[in-house]
Amino acid sequence: MKASNQTQSVRRIVFTGGPGGGKSTAADLILREFPERLVIVPETATLLHIGGFPRWSEPGAMKARQTAIFEVQRSLEELQSVHYPGRMLICDRGTIDGGAYWPDGPEAFYAHQGTTLAKELARYSAVLFFESAAVGGLAIENANRARTETLEQAVALDAKIRSLWAGHPHFYLIPHETSFFRKMDRAHAIMRQLLA
């Protein structure tokens, strides 16, 4: 999908990380403080899975699912930028995340989508990486019906996703904390800098 000239100039900030990192909660809290300047692009995988999109584990099924997530992510970003011109997008995950779930590895994922990791990184202005609470051995259970990962799987996904985004020139690590409020304070401080 080719972006229009209008949406190429849209500022996109990605909130990503392993399962149970707090990114969706952080996005909601930050939006409440800057409602006229920001808009959230919701997490595509959660939207699809809660809507009944299958989560079968065969390699071909995993590829079909990640391709659908990639395409819907791009479309949601386009929709939000058109409907809310002039606002910065907070993307609850981005097009790069799918590489961590692709059975044949991330390079094969980007090639399958007709892109590269470098091209996808360039689409985003900054990345806030919310390290999973699982990295610190903390529980990640919550009301998210789409979350199915064990602590071990969450830690492994956290590392894979982080390695894909870490090359972004504006990558901000928000490490796990025993205090969720301290973690949110870090995210808030970074967003205030980015909005300044």
Foldseek 3Di string as FASTA:
>chain_A
DDDDPQLLPAAEEEEAFFFALCSVVLVVVLCVVVVLAEDELDQQLLVCVVVPQDDDDDLVSLLVSLLVSLVVQVVSSRVVCVVRPRHHYYYHDHNQLSQLRHPVHNQVSQVVNVHGLVVRLSSHDAYEYRYHLLVVVDDRDDPRPSDDDDSVRRNSSRVSSCVSNVPRPHYHYQYDDPDVVVSSVVVNVVVVVVVD
